Structure formats: structure tokens, C-alpha cells
PDB file of N, CA and C in Angstrom:
ATOM      1  N   UNK A   1       0.648  18.926 -18.562  1.00  0.00           N
ATOM      2  CA  UNK A   1      -0.079  20.182 -18.357  1.00  0.00           C
ATOM      3  C   UNK A   1      -0.090  20.911 -17.377  1.00  0.00           C
ATOM      4  N   UNK A   2       0.055  22.243 -17.470  1.00  0.00           N
ATOM      5  CA  UNK A   2       0.234  23.245 -16.406  1.00  0.00           C
ATOM      6  C   UNK A   2      -0.996  23.781 -15.674  1.00  0.00           C
ATOM      7  N   UNK A   3      -1.492  23.617 -14.715  1.00  0.00           N
ATOM      8  CA  UNK A   3      -2.809  24.200 -14.504  1.00  0.00           C
ATOM      9  C   UNK A   3      -2.754  25.381 -13.310  1.00  0.00           C
ATOM     10  N   UNK A   4      -2.674  26.193 -13.492  1.00  0.00           N
ATOM     11  CA  UNK A   4      -2.392  27.880 -12.872  1.00  0.00           C
ATOM     12  C   UNK A   4      -3.769  28.022 -11.596  1.00  0.00           C
ATOM     13  N   UNK A   5      -3.316  28.721 -10.848  1.00  0.00           N
ATOM     14  CA  UNK A   5      -4.085  29.356  -9.704  1.00  0.00           C
ATOM     15  C   UNK A   5      -5.558  30.232 -10.276  1.00  0.00           C
ATOM     16  N   UNK A   6      -4.999  30.776 -11.500  1.00  0.00           N
ATOM     17  CA  UNK A   6      -5.908  31.924 -12.290  1.00  0.00           C
ATOM     18  C   UNK A   6      -6.833  30.977 -13.254  1.00  0.00           C
ATOM     19  N   UNK A   7      -6.283  29.413 -13.512  1.00  0.00           N
ATOM     20  CA  UNK A   7      -6.793  28.954 -14.747  1.00  0.00           C
ATOM     21  C   UNK A   7      -8.418  28.051 -13.753  1.00  0.00           C
ATOM     22  N   UNK A   8      -7.752  28.161 -12.188  1.00  0.00           N
ATOM     23  CA  UNK A   8      -8.695  27.526 -11.562  1.00  0.00           C
ATOM     24  C   UNK A   8      -9.452  28.308 -10.956  1.00  0.00           C
ATOM     25  N   UNK A   9      -8.721  29.728 -10.515  1.00  0.00           N
ATOM     26  CA  UNK A   9     -10.299  31.359 -10.434  1.00  0.00           C
ATOM     27  C   UNK A   9     -11.152  31.106 -11.281  1.00  0.00           C
ATOM     28  N   UNK A  10     -10.880  31.124 -12.647  1.00  0.00           N
ATOM     29  CA  UNK A  10     -11.758  30.961 -13.763  1.00  0.00           C
ATOM     30  C   UNK A  10     -12.818  30.245 -13.975  1.00  0.00           C
ATOM     31  N   UNK A  11     -12.189  28.641 -13.617  1.00  0.00           N
ATOM     32  CA  UNK A  11     -13.035  27.861 -13.498  1.00  0.00           C
ATOM     33  C   UNK A  11     -14.310  27.677 -12.667  1.00  0.00           C
ATOM     34  N   UNK A  12     -13.800  28.494 -11.375  1.00  0.00           N
ATOM     35  CA  UNK A  12     -14.514  28.561  -9.734  1.00  0.00           C
ATOM     36  C   UNK A  12     -15.779  29.930 -10.385  1.00  0.00           C
ATOM     37  N   UNK A  13     -15.118  30.596 -11.160  1.00  0.00           N
ATOM     38  CA  UNK A  13     -16.068  31.432 -11.227  1.00  0.00           C
ATOM     39  C   UNK A  13     -17.122  31.079 -12.682  1.00  0.00           C
ATOM     40  N   UNK A  14     -16.687  30.336 -13.275  1.00  0.00           N
ATOM     41  CA  UNK A  14     -17.884  29.909 -14.117  1.00  0.00           C
ATOM     42  C   UNK A  14     -18.500  28.625 -13.369  1.00  0.00           C
ATOM     43  N   UNK A  15     -18.601  27.835 -12.348  1.00  0.00           N
ATOM     44  CA  UNK A  15     -19.168  27.215 -11.396  1.00  0.00           C
ATOM     45  C   UNK A  15     -20.102  28.171 -10.674  1.00  0.00           C
ATOM     46  N   UNK A  16     -19.472  29.463 -10.367  1.00  0.00           N
ATOM     47  CA  UNK A  16     -20.336  30.396  -9.313  1.00  0.00           C
ATOM     48  C   UNK A  16     -19.763  30.145  -7.742  1.00  0.00           C
ATOM     49  N   UNK A  17     -18.598  29.483  -7.865  1.00  0.00           N
ATOM     50  CA  UNK A  17     -17.561  28.966  -6.477  1.00  0.00           C
ATOM     51  C   UNK A  17     -16.689  29.807  -6.215  1.00  0.00           C
ATOM     52  N   UNK A  18     -16.461  30.058  -4.678  1.00  0.00           N
ATOM     53  CA  UNK A  18     -14.945  30.982  -4.736  1.00  0.00           C
ATOM     54  C   UNK A  18     -13.956  29.918  -3.636  1.00  0.00           C
ATOM     55  N   UNK A  19     -12.454  29.976  -4.123  1.00  0.00           N
ATOM     56  CA  UNK A  19     -11.873  29.342  -3.358  1.00  0.00           C
ATOM     57  C   UNK A  19     -11.043  30.277  -2.604  1.00  0.00           C
ATOM     58  N   UNK A  20     -10.347  30.295  -1.473  1.00  0.00           N
ATOM     59  CA  UNK A  20      -9.028  31.315  -1.401  1.00  0.00           C
ATOM     60  C   UNK A  20      -7.805  30.552  -1.809  1.00  0.00           C
ATOM     61  N   UNK A  21      -7.183  31.290  -1.498  1.00  0.00           N
ATOM     62  CA  UNK A  21      -5.846  30.760  -2.709  1.00  0.00           C
ATOM     63  C   UNK A  21      -4.807  29.598  -1.929  1.00  0.00           C
ATOM     64  N   UNK A  22      -5.168  29.139  -0.764  1.00  0.00           N
ATOM     65  CA  UNK A  22      -4.420  27.731  -0.611  1.00  0.00           C
ATOM     66  C   UNK A  22      -5.157  26.802  -1.146  1.00  0.00           C
ATOM     67  N   UNK A  23      -6.401  26.729  -1.392  1.00  0.00           N
ATOM     68  CA  UNK A  23      -7.581  25.878  -2.044  1.00  0.00           C
ATOM     69  C   UNK A  23      -7.315  26.108  -3.689  1.00  0.00           C
ATOM     70  N   UNK A  24      -6.997  27.095  -4.223  1.00  0.00           N
ATOM     71  CA  UNK A  24      -6.607  26.971  -5.229  1.00  0.00           C
ATOM     72  C   UNK A  24      -5.296  26.516  -6.059  1.00  0.00           C
ATOM     73  N   UNK A  25      -4.581  26.312  -5.224  1.00  0.00           N
ATOM     74  CA  UNK A  25      -2.843  25.996  -5.154  1.00  0.00           C
ATOM     75  C   UNK A  25      -3.491  24.460  -5.238  1.00  0.00           C
ATOM     76  N   UNK A  26      -4.422  23.771  -3.934  1.00  0.00           N
ATOM     77  CA  UNK A  26      -4.409  22.657  -4.078  1.00  0.00           C
ATOM     78  C   UNK A  26      -5.106  21.768  -5.033  1.00  0.00           C
ATOM     79  N   UNK A  27      -6.246  22.454  -5.508  1.00  0.00           N
ATOM     80  CA  UNK A  27      -7.138  22.081  -6.617  1.00  0.00           C
ATOM     81  C   UNK A  27      -6.197  22.274  -8.180  1.00  0.00           C
ATOM     82  N   UNK A  28      -5.106  22.931  -7.922  1.00  0.00           N
ATOM     83  CA  UNK A  28      -4.297  22.974  -9.048  1.00  0.00           C
ATOM     84  C   UNK A  28      -3.432  21.699  -9.446  1.00  0.00           C
ATOM     85  N   UNK A  29      -3.192  21.231  -8.063  1.00  0.00           N
ATOM     86  CA  UNK A  29      -2.173  20.364  -8.373  1.00  0.00           C
ATOM     87  C   UNK A  29      -3.204  19.060  -8.478  1.00  0.00           C
ATOM     88  N   UNK A  30      -4.187  18.666  -7.845  1.00  0.00           N
ATOM     89  CA  UNK A  30      -5.112  17.746  -7.846  1.00  0.00           C
ATOM     90  C   UNK A  30      -5.438  17.439  -9.632  1.00  0.00           C
ATOM     91  N   UNK A  31      -5.707  18.726 -10.015  1.00  0.00           N
ATOM     92  CA  UNK A  31      -6.183  18.978 -11.514  1.00  0.00           C
ATOM     93  C   UNK A  31      -4.952  18.585 -12.698  1.00  0.00           C
ATOM     94  N   UNK A  32      -4.050  18.557 -11.882  1.00  0.00           N
ATOM     95  CA  UNK A  32      -2.700  18.619 -12.397  1.00  0.00           C
ATOM     96  C   UNK A  32      -2.435  16.961 -12.911  1.00  0.00           C
ATOM     97  N   UNK A  33      -2.429  16.626 -11.863  1.00  0.00           N
ATOM     98  CA  UNK A  33      -2.355  14.798 -11.317  1.00  0.00           C
ATOM     99  C   UNK A  33      -3.857  14.099 -12.146  1.00  0.00           C
ATOM    100  N   UNK A  34      -4.807  14.396 -12.271  1.00  0.00           N
ATOM    101  CA  UNK A  34      -5.912  13.697 -13.241  1.00  0.00           C
ATOM    102  C   UNK A  34      -5.466  13.973 -14.746  1.00  0.00           C
ATOM    103  N   UNK A  35      -5.089  15.113 -15.500  1.00  0.00           N
ATOM    104  CA  UNK A  35      -4.485  15.837 -16.183  1.00  0.00           C
ATOM    105  C   UNK A  35      -3.616  14.543 -16.923  1.00  0.00           C
ATOM    106  N   UNK A  36      -3.006  14.434 -16.256  1.00  0.00           N
ATOM    107  CA  UNK A  36      -1.711  13.563 -16.234  1.00  0.00           C
ATOM    108  C   UNK A  36      -2.155  12.010 -16.397  1.00  0.00           C
ATOM    109  N   UNK A  37      -3.036  11.617 -15.433  1.00  0.00           N
ATOM    110  CA  UNK A  37      -3.707  10.200 -15.615  1.00  0.00           C
ATOM    111  C   UNK A  37      -4.181   9.986 -17.310  1.00  0.00           C
ATOM    112  N   UNK A  38      -4.741  11.073 -18.038  1.00  0.00           N
ATOM    113  CA  UNK A  38      -5.214  11.020 -18.931  1.00  0.00           C
ATOM    114  C   UNK A  38      -4.292  11.043 -20.386  1.00  0.00           C
ATOM    115  N   UNK A  39      -3.237  11.684 -19.617  1.00  0.00           N
ATOM    116  CA  UNK A  39      -2.396  11.185 -20.363  1.00  0.00           C
ATOM    117  C   UNK A  39      -1.509   9.992 -20.707  1.00  0.00           C
ATOM    118  N   UNK A  40      -1.486   9.767 -19.506  1.00  0.00           N
ATOM    119  CA  UNK A  40      -1.200   8.082 -19.410  1.00  0.00           C
ATOM    120  C   UNK A  40      -2.025   7.627 -20.619  1.00  0.00           C
ATOM    121  N   UNK A  41      -3.279   7.345 -20.244  1.00  0.00           N
ATOM    122  CA  UNK A  41      -4.099   6.517 -21.118  1.00  0.00           C
ATOM    123  C   UNK A  41      -3.999   7.316 -22.573  1.00  0.00           C
ATOM    124  N   UNK A  42      -3.806   8.442 -23.286  1.00  0.00           N
ATOM    125  CA  UNK A  42      -3.545   8.080 -24.612  1.00  0.00           C
ATOM    126  C   UNK A  42      -2.569   7.293 -24.985  1.00  0.00           C
ATOM    127  N   UNK A  43      -1.458   6.793 -23.837  1.00  0.00           N
ATOM    128  CA  UNK A  43      -0.191   6.015 -24.497  1.00  0.00           C
ATOM    129  C   UNK A  43      -0.722   4.583 -24.098  1.00  0.00           C
ATOM    130  N   UNK A  44      -1.574   4.226 -23.556  1.00  0.00           N
ATOM    131  CA  UNK A  44      -2.014   3.227 -23.963  1.00  0.00           C
ATOM    132  C   UNK A  44      -2.699   2.565 -25.223  1.00  0.00           C
ATOM    133  N   UNK A  45      -2.353   1.067 -25.447  1.00  0.00           N
ATOM    134  CA  UNK A  45      -2.558   0.375 -26.541  1.00  0.00           C
ATOM    135  C   UNK A  45      -4.168  -0.149 -26.013  1.00  0.00           C
ATOM    136  N   UNK A  46      -5.567   0.570 -26.676  1.00  0.00           N
ATOM    137  CA  UNK A  46      -6.514   0.429 -25.685  1.00  0.00           C
ATOM    138  C   UNK A  46      -7.579  -0.470 -27.222  1.00  0.00           C
ATOM    139  N   UNK A  47      -6.798  -0.520 -28.075  1.00  0.00           N
ATOM    140  CA  UNK A  47      -7.526  -1.634 -29.151  1.00  0.00           C
ATOM    141  C   UNK A  47      -7.935  -3.046 -28.562  1.00  0.00           C
ATOM    142  N   UNK A  48      -9.295  -3.474 -29.169  1.00  0.00           N
ATOM    143  CA  UNK A  48      -9.840  -3.975 -28.589  1.00  0.00           C
ATOM    144  C   UNK A  48     -10.416  -5.067 -29.560  1.00  0.00           C
ATOM    145  N   UNK A  49      -9.439  -6.405 -29.320  1.00  0.00           N
ATOM    146  CA  UNK A  49      -9.051  -7.583 -30.690  1.00  0.00           C
ATOM    147  C   UNK A  49     -10.313  -8.372 -30.590  1.00  0.00           C
ATOM    148  N   UNK A  50     -11.059  -8.539 -29.982  1.00  0.00           N
ATOM    149  CA  UNK A  50     -12.233  -9.277 -29.358  1.00  0.00           C
ATOM    150  C   UNK A  50     -13.403  -8.845 -29.867  1.00  0.00           C
ATOM    151  N   UNK A  51     -13.392  -7.383 -30.370  1.00  0.00           N
ATOM    152  CA  UNK A  51     -14.524  -6.742 -31.348  1.00  0.00           C
ATOM    153  C   UNK A  51     -15.026  -7.561 -32.567  1.00  0.00           C
ATOM    154  N   UNK A  52     -13.908  -7.848 -33.538  1.00  0.00           N
ATOM    155  CA  UNK A  52     -13.888  -8.138 -34.553  1.00  0.00           C
ATOM    156  C   UNK A  52     -15.228  -9.164 -34.923  1.00  0.00           C
ATOM    157  N   UNK A  53     -14.966 -10.196 -33.609  1.00  0.00           N
ATOM    158  CA  UNK A  53     -15.607 -11.213 -33.120  1.00  0.00           C
ATOM    159  C   UNK A  53     -17.288 -11.154 -32.974  1.00  0.00           C
ATOM    160  N   UNK A  54     -16.979 -10.320 -32.605  1.00  0.00           N
ATOM    161  CA  UNK A  54     -18.347  -9.328 -32.120  1.00  0.00           C
ATOM    162  C   UNK A  54     -19.646  -8.846 -33.056  1.00  0.00           C
ATOM    163  N   UNK A  55     -18.658  -8.015 -33.834  1.00  0.00           N
ATOM    164  CA  UNK A  55     -19.501  -7.612 -34.989  1.00  0.00           C
ATOM    165  C   UNK A  55     -19.676  -8.827 -35.824  1.00  0.00           C
ATOM    166  N   UNK A  56     -19.208  -9.926 -36.449  1.00  0.00           N
ATOM    167  CA  UNK A  56     -19.824 -10.780 -37.004  1.00  0.00           C
ATOM    168  C   UNK A  56     -20.575 -12.028 -35.992  1.00  0.00           C
ATOM    169  N   UNK A  57     -21.440 -11.834 -35.033  1.00  0.00           N
ATOM    170  CA  UNK A  57     -22.076 -12.287 -34.481  1.00  0.00           C
ATOM    171  C   UNK A  57     -21.554 -13.639 -33.661  1.00  0.00           C
ATOM    172  N   UNK A  58     -20.603 -13.686 -33.807  1.00  0.00           N
ATOM    173  CA  UNK A  58     -20.192 -15.072 -33.054  1.00  0.00           C
ATOM    174  C   UNK A  58     -20.169 -14.564 -31.346  1.00  0.00           C
ATOM    175  N   UNK A  59     -20.159 -16.069 -30.431  1.00  0.00           N
ATOM    176  CA  UNK A  59     -19.825 -15.912 -29.247  1.00  0.00           C
ATOM    177  C   UNK A  59     -18.177 -16.562 -28.970  1.00  0.00           C
ATOM    178  N   UNK A  60     -18.212 -15.392 -27.904  1.00  0.00           N
ATOM    179  CA  UNK A  60     -16.743 -15.681 -27.301  1.00  0.00           C
ATOM    180  C   UNK A  60     -16.603 -16.658 -25.764  1.00  0.00           C
ATOM    181  N   UNK A  61     -16.383 -17.486 -25.965  1.00  0.00           N
ATOM    182  CA  UNK A  61     -16.553 -18.592 -24.654  1.00  0.00           C
ATOM    183  C   UNK A  61     -15.630 -19.217 -24.161  1.00  0.00           C
ATOM    184  N   UNK A  62     -15.664 -18.794 -23.084  1.00  0.00           N
ATOM    185  CA  UNK A  62     -14.153 -19.564 -22.285  1.00  0.00           C
ATOM    186  C   UNK A  62     -15.050 -20.821 -21.566  1.00  0.00           C
ATOM    187  N   UNK A  63     -14.066 -21.722 -20.951  1.00  0.00           N
ATOM    188  CA  UNK A  63     -13.918 -23.199 -20.336  1.00  0.00           C
ATOM    189  C   UNK A  63     -14.459 -22.903 -19.107  1.00  0.00           C
ATOM    190  N   UNK A  64     -15.207 -23.254 -18.276  1.00  0.00           N
ATOM    191  CA  UNK A  64     -16.078 -22.824 -16.669  1.00  0.00           C
ATOM    192  C   UNK A  64     -14.603 -23.872 -15.877  1.00  0.00           C
ATOM    193  N   UNK A  65     -14.410 -23.460 -15.074  1.00  0.00           N
ATOM    194  CA  UNK A  65     -13.552 -24.289 -14.525  1.00  0.00           C
ATOM    195  C   UNK A  65     -14.088 -23.682 -12.517  1.00  0.00           C
ATOM    196  N   UNK A  66     -14.274 -25.146 -12.305  1.00  0.00           N
ATOM    197  CA  UNK A  66     -14.499 -24.698 -10.755  1.00  0.00           C
ATOM    198  C   UNK A  66     -13.075 -24.774 -10.098  1.00  0.00           C
ATOM    199  N   UNK A  67     -13.350 -24.075  -8.970  1.00  0.00           N
ATOM    200  CA  UNK A  67     -12.376 -23.701  -8.078  1.00  0.00           C
ATOM    201  C   UNK A  67     -13.081 -23.961  -6.929  1.00  0.00           C
ATOM    202  N   UNK A  68     -12.169 -25.047  -5.992  1.00  0.00           N
ATOM    203  CA  UNK A  68     -13.553 -24.770  -4.700  1.00  0.00           C
ATOM    204  C   UNK A  68     -12.244 -23.599  -3.340  1.00  0.00           C
ATOM    205  N   UNK A  69     -13.466 -22.875  -3.000  1.00  0.00           N
ATOM    206  CA  UNK A  69     -13.009 -21.870  -1.892  1.00  0.00           C
ATOM    207  C   UNK A  69     -12.810 -22.528  -0.779  1.00  0.00           C
ATOM    208  N   UNK A  70     -11.651 -22.827  -0.183  1.00  0.00           N
ATOM    209  CA  UNK A  70     -11.722 -23.273   1.431  1.00  0.00           C
ATOM    210  C   UNK A  70     -11.842 -22.845   2.660  1.00  0.00           C
ATOM    211  N   UNK A  71     -11.390 -20.922   2.721  1.00  0.00           N
ATOM    212  CA  UNK A  71     -11.945 -20.227   3.375  1.00  0.00           C
ATOM    213  C   UNK A  71     -12.591 -19.749   4.059  1.00  0.00           C
ATOM    214  N   UNK A  72     -14.114 -20.505   4.054  1.00  0.00           N
ATOM    215  CA  UNK A  72     -15.380 -20.153   4.483  1.00  0.00           C
ATOM    216  C   UNK A  72     -15.480 -19.236   5.519  1.00  0.00           C
ATOM    217  N   UNK A  73     -14.331 -18.941   6.550  1.00  0.00           N
ATOM    218  CA  UNK A  73     -14.600 -18.169   7.308  1.00  0.00           C
ATOM    219  C   UNK A  73     -14.388 -16.369   6.668  1.00  0.00           C
ATOM    220  N   UNK A  74     -13.359 -16.622   5.868  1.00  0.00           N
ATOM    221  CA  UNK A  74     -13.485 -15.167   5.243  1.00  0.00           C
ATOM    222  C   UNK A  74     -14.656 -15.036   4.398  1.00  0.00           C
ATOM    223  N   UNK A  75     -15.369 -15.892   3.355  1.00  0.00           N
ATOM    224  CA  UNK A  75     -16.373 -15.694   2.739  1.00  0.00           C
ATOM    225  C   UNK A  75     -17.127 -14.769   3.223  1.00  0.00           C
ATOM    226  N   UNK A  76     -17.534 -15.476   4.495  1.00  0.00           N
ATOM    227  CA  UNK A  76     -18.926 -15.448   4.930  1.00  0.00           C
ATOM    228  C   UNK A  76     -18.659 -14.027   6.438  1.00  0.00           C
ATOM    229  N   UNK A  77     -17.823 -13.476   5.983  1.00  0.00           N
ATOM    230  CA  UNK A  77     -17.222 -12.511   7.760  1.00  0.00           C
ATOM    231  C   UNK A  77     -18.621 -11.654   7.830  1.00  0.00           C
ATOM    232  N   UNK A  78     -18.989 -10.926   6.648  1.00  0.00           N
ATOM    233  CA  UNK A  78     -19.984  -9.633   7.130  1.00  0.00           C
ATOM    234  C   UNK A  78     -21.018 -10.620   6.623  1.00  0.00           C
ATOM    235  N   UNK A  79     -21.611 -11.900   6.892  1.00  0.00           N
ATOM    236  CA  UNK A  79     -23.297 -12.056   7.163  1.00  0.00           C
ATOM    237  C   UNK A  79     -23.289 -11.761   8.289  1.00  0.00           C
ATOM    238  N   UNK A  80     -24.697 -11.746   8.340  1.00  0.00           N
ATOM    239  CA  UNK A  80     -25.397 -11.357   9.841  1.00  0.00           C
ATOM    240  C   UNK A  80     -25.483 -12.488  10.811  1.00  0.00           C
ATOM    241  N   UNK A  81     -25.989 -13.290  10.204  1.00  0.00           N
ATOM    242  CA  UNK A  81     -26.278 -14.477  10.656  1.00  0.00           C
ATOM    243  C   UNK A  81     -25.770 -16.139  10.174  1.00  0.00           C
ATOM    244  N   UNK A  82     -25.342 -16.923  10.719  1.00  0.00           N
ATOM    245  CA  UNK A  82     -25.022 -18.207  10.321  1.00  0.00           C
ATOM    246  C   UNK A  82     -25.939 -19.342  11.261  1.00  0.00           C
ATOM    247  N   UNK A  83     -26.465 -20.274  10.469  1.00  0.00           N
ATOM    248  CA  UNK A  83     -26.598 -21.451  10.695  1.00  0.00           C
ATOM    249  C   UNK A  83     -25.829 -22.624  10.250  1.00  0.00           C
ATOM    250  N   UNK A  84     -25.183 -23.877  11.264  1.00  0.00           N
ATOM    251  CA  UNK A  84     -24.638 -24.527  10.447  1.00  0.00           C
ATOM    252  C   UNK A  84     -23.438 -24.236   9.278  1.00  0.00           C
ATOM    253  N   UNK A  85     -23.555 -24.061   8.164  1.00  0.00           N
ATOM    254  CA  UNK A  85     -23.149 -23.519   6.983  1.00  0.00           C
ATOM    255  C   UNK A  85     -23.865 -23.110   6.087  1.00  0.00           C
ATOM    256  N   UNK A  86     -24.786 -22.353   6.413  1.00  0.00           N
ATOM    257  CA  UNK A  86     -26.237 -21.734   5.741  1.00  0.00           C
ATOM    258  C   UNK A  86     -25.775 -20.423   6.202  1.00  0.00           C
ATOM    259  N   UNK A  87     -26.729 -19.342   5.527  1.00  0.00           N
ATOM    260  CA  UNK A  87     -26.982 -17.918   6.043  1.00  0.00           C
ATOM    261  C   UNK A  87     -28.013 -18.151   6.656  1.00  0.00           C
ATOM    262  N   UNK A  88     -28.428 -17.843   7.216  1.00  0.00           N
ATOM    263  CA  UNK A  88     -29.827 -17.311   7.907  1.00  0.00           C
ATOM    264  C   UNK A  88     -29.866 -16.205   7.595  1.00  0.00           C
ATOM    265  N   UNK A  89     -31.365 -15.813   7.232  1.00  0.00           N
ATOM    266  CA  UNK A  89     -31.771 -14.575   6.798  1.00  0.00           C
ATOM    267  C   UNK A  89     -33.362 -14.228   7.921  1.00  0.00           C
ATOM    268  N   UNK A  90     -33.718 -13.469   7.426  1.00  0.00           N
ATOM    269  CA  UNK A  90     -35.232 -12.890   8.280  1.00  0.00           C
ATOM    270  C   UNK A  90     -36.342 -13.723   7.841  1.00  0.00           C
ATOM    271  N   UNK A  91     -37.416 -14.101   8.441  1.00  0.00           N
ATOM    272  CA  UNK A  91     -38.741 -13.879   7.563  1.00  0.00           C
ATOM    273  C   UNK A  91     -39.322 -12.852   7.131  1.00  0.00           C
ATOM    274  N   UNK A  92     -39.640 -13.353   5.614  1.00  0.00           N
ATOM    275  CA  UNK A  92     -39.995 -11.919   5.033  1.00  0.00           C
ATOM    276  C   UNK A  92     -41.532 -11.658   5.062  1.00  0.00           C
ATOM    277  N   UNK A  93     -41.944 -13.280   4.728  1.00  0.00           N
ATOM    278  CA  UNK A  93     -43.717 -12.974   4.909  1.00  0.00           C
ATOM    279  C   UNK A  93     -43.976 -13.491   5.937  1.00  0.00           C
ATOM    280  N   UNK A  94     -44.929 -12.558   6.788  1.00  0.00           N
ATOM    281  CA  UNK A  94     -45.854 -13.666   7.946  1.00  0.00           C
ATOM    282  C   UNK A  94     -47.008 -14.407   7.357  1.00  0.00           C
TER     283      UNK A  94
END
């Protein structure tokens, strides 16, 4: 869908905004990109097969699988404090 600067200026007027010509052109390109994404979504198959089971009241369960995580340094890289292999948190109750 082609978005023109006139369309942008019309929308800006409705929203009580003002854009110069360069900003209007930039917004027009960005809006075109957004609308292209919506057109791509229209082409996708968004049917939900599991929805029928949910309507019938049946639970769909998956098998729990245990997967060990070996890289603990990466896992706790953003932790503020560590004591041995435990997280150290400040005392809350005085």
C-alpha cells in the first residue's frame, strides 16, 4: 500500500501534530513497512489446531524433560552477588 506525504500530513492534522517535509517522507516509508508486515500476516495460516481440544475441555500436556544447564557463569552473569553456587540477596527484614 502506497502511503504519501499528503496522507501523513492528514493524519498529523488529525492528531494535532506538525511535521516538516523530511519527517513526513520518513514516516511515509516507515508506515509502508508496517503495512507490508500486516499484508505478510494476512498470507500466513493462523489456524489453531489445538483450539478444538480446549473447547472440549481436554488438557493438552507435554512430557517434562530435564535438561541440565552446564554454563552457570553465563546463567548468572547479571546477578549482583554470588556466594559459592547461590545467589546472595540483601536482607529484607530487620
